[in-house]
Amino acid sequence: MSKAARSLLIFAIYLIALGLFLLIAPNTLITLFGLPETQDVWIRVVGMLIVLLATYDIQAARHELANFFQWSVVARAAVIVFFAGFVMANLVEPMLLLFGAIDLAGAIWTAIALRQDRGA
């Protein structure tokens, strides 16, 4: 398994954990970000989508889909931009940037791994 594939696989494991947490105990997590508790299904739908997105990452890693790795770098790096916009609009607490930072760190890790794999 290439370094880039491994980075995406590990990120997928993080996404599965996050998604399952949102499916099972969403209010525990969203209150940390200054959002009110909810009984609405939307947060569980987000958890489901995160788990499903993780399955794309797993399959891309298993099949060494380098183009997918590159696309994921851009998408994951964009997360913090959106989250920063939500914070600046006072829609959420700045703590949400922690999750954006995790996505950005994962994107940087994959980008570095892609370069290392090309040089190998």
Protein backbone atom coordinates (compact mmCIF):
# COMPACT_ATOMS: atom_id res chain seq x y z
CA MET A 1 0.00 0.00 0.00
CA SER A 2 1.40 3.40 -0.96
CA LYS A 3 1.96 6.11 1.62
CA ALA A 4 -0.85 8.19 0.10
CA ALA A 5 -3.26 5.25 0.23
CA ARG A 6 -2.35 4.59 3.86
CA SER A 7 -2.94 8.25 4.77
CA LEU A 8 -6.38 8.15 3.19
CA LEU A 9 -7.24 4.82 4.81
CA ILE A 10 -6.36 6.17 8.26
CA PHE A 11 -8.37 9.32 7.57
CA ALA A 12 -11.31 7.09 6.59
CA ILE A 13 -11.11 5.34 9.96
CA TYR A 14 -11.32 8.76 11.66
CA LEU A 15 -14.33 9.62 9.47
CA ILE A 16 -16.10 6.39 10.37
CA ALA A 17 -15.59 7.08 14.08
CA LEU A 18 -16.87 10.65 13.69
CA GLY A 19 -19.83 9.57 11.57
CA LEU A 20 -20.84 6.82 13.98
CA PHE A 21 -20.60 9.26 16.89
CA LEU A 22 -22.97 11.62 15.07
CA LEU A 23 -25.33 8.73 14.37
CA ILE A 24 -25.34 7.37 17.91
CA ALA A 25 -24.79 10.37 20.23
CA PRO A 26 -25.04 13.54 18.14
CA ASN A 27 -25.98 15.98 20.89
CA THR A 28 -22.86 15.16 22.88
CA LEU A 29 -20.75 16.39 19.99
CA ILE A 30 -22.75 19.32 18.64
CA THR A 31 -23.11 21.02 22.03
CA LEU A 32 -19.30 21.25 22.15
CA PHE A 33 -19.57 23.59 19.18
CA GLY A 34 -22.11 25.91 20.68
CA LEU A 35 -25.01 24.45 18.77
CA PRO A 36 -28.21 23.69 20.63
CA GLU A 37 -29.22 20.10 21.24
CA THR A 38 -31.55 18.80 18.60
CA GLN A 39 -33.94 15.94 18.10
CA ASP A 40 -34.00 16.67 14.37
CA VAL A 41 -32.68 13.95 12.13
CA TRP A 42 -30.32 16.28 10.19
CA ILE A 43 -27.28 15.64 12.41
CA ARG A 44 -27.72 11.88 12.06
CA VAL A 45 -28.01 12.31 8.28
CA VAL A 46 -24.67 14.16 8.39
CA GLY A 47 -23.20 11.25 10.35
CA MET A 48 -24.52 8.78 7.79
CA LEU A 49 -23.04 10.83 4.94
CA ILE A 50 -19.67 10.99 6.69
CA VAL A 51 -19.62 7.20 7.09
CA LEU A 52 -20.57 6.75 3.43
CA LEU A 53 -17.87 9.20 2.31
CA ALA A 54 -15.39 7.19 4.34
CA THR A 55 -16.27 4.11 2.28
CA TYR A 56 -15.13 5.99 -0.84
CA ASP A 57 -11.82 6.73 0.86
CA ILE A 58 -11.41 3.09 1.88
CA GLN A 59 -12.07 1.79 -1.62
CA ALA A 60 -9.82 4.42 -3.19
CA ALA A 61 -7.04 3.42 -0.81
CA ARG A 62 -7.55 -0.31 -1.45
CA HIS A 63 -7.39 0.21 -5.20
CA GLU A 64 -4.58 2.82 -5.18
CA LEU A 65 -6.67 5.44 -7.00
CA ALA A 66 -4.05 8.21 -7.09
CA ASN A 67 -6.37 10.64 -8.87
CA PHE A 68 -8.86 10.26 -6.03
CA PHE A 69 -6.09 10.94 -3.51
CA GLN A 70 -5.33 14.22 -5.30
CA TRP A 71 -8.99 15.24 -5.40
CA SER A 72 -9.36 14.44 -1.72
CA VAL A 73 -6.49 16.77 -0.85
CA VAL A 74 -8.33 19.72 -2.38
CA ALA A 75 -11.69 18.78 -0.85
CA ARG A 76 -10.30 18.18 2.64
CA ALA A 77 -8.29 21.41 2.56
CA ALA A 78 -11.47 23.31 1.64
CA VAL A 79 -13.25 22.15 4.80
CA ILE A 80 -11.40 24.61 7.03
CA VAL A 81 -12.26 27.46 4.65
CA PHE A 82 -15.96 26.71 4.96
CA PHE A 83 -15.73 26.23 8.72
CA ALA A 84 -13.89 29.55 9.08
CA GLY A 85 -16.70 31.20 7.13
CA PHE A 86 -19.26 29.68 9.50
CA VAL A 87 -17.29 30.99 12.47
CA MET A 88 -16.92 34.48 10.96
CA ALA A 89 -20.67 34.56 10.31
CA ASN A 90 -21.22 33.69 13.99
CA LEU A 91 -23.08 30.51 13.03
CA VAL A 92 -20.88 28.29 15.20
CA GLU A 93 -18.27 28.53 17.93
CA PRO A 94 -14.60 28.72 16.86
CA MET A 95 -14.08 25.23 18.29
CA LEU A 96 -15.46 23.88 14.99
CA LEU A 97 -12.14 24.92 13.46
CA LEU A 98 -10.59 21.97 15.30
CA PHE A 99 -12.38 19.60 12.93
CA GLY A 100 -11.33 21.74 9.99
CA ALA A 101 -7.74 21.54 11.22
CA ILE A 102 -7.98 17.74 11.33
CA ASP A 103 -9.18 17.72 7.71
CA LEU A 104 -6.41 20.13 6.72
CA ALA A 105 -3.78 18.03 8.49
CA GLY A 106 -5.06 14.93 6.70
CA ALA A 107 -4.95 16.75 3.37
CA ILE A 108 -1.38 17.90 3.96
CA TRP A 109 -0.37 14.39 5.00
CA THR A 110 -1.84 12.92 1.81
CA ALA A 111 -0.24 15.64 -0.35
CA ILE A 112 3.19 14.94 1.15
CA ALA A 113 2.64 11.19 0.78
CA LEU A 114 1.71 11.64 -2.89
CA ARG A 115 4.99 13.48 -3.50
CA GLN A 116 6.95 10.80 -1.64
CA ASP A 117 5.24 8.04 -3.60
CA ARG A 118 6.09 9.75 -6.89
CA GLY A 119 9.73 10.04 -5.85
CA ALA A 120 9.97 6.41 -4.78
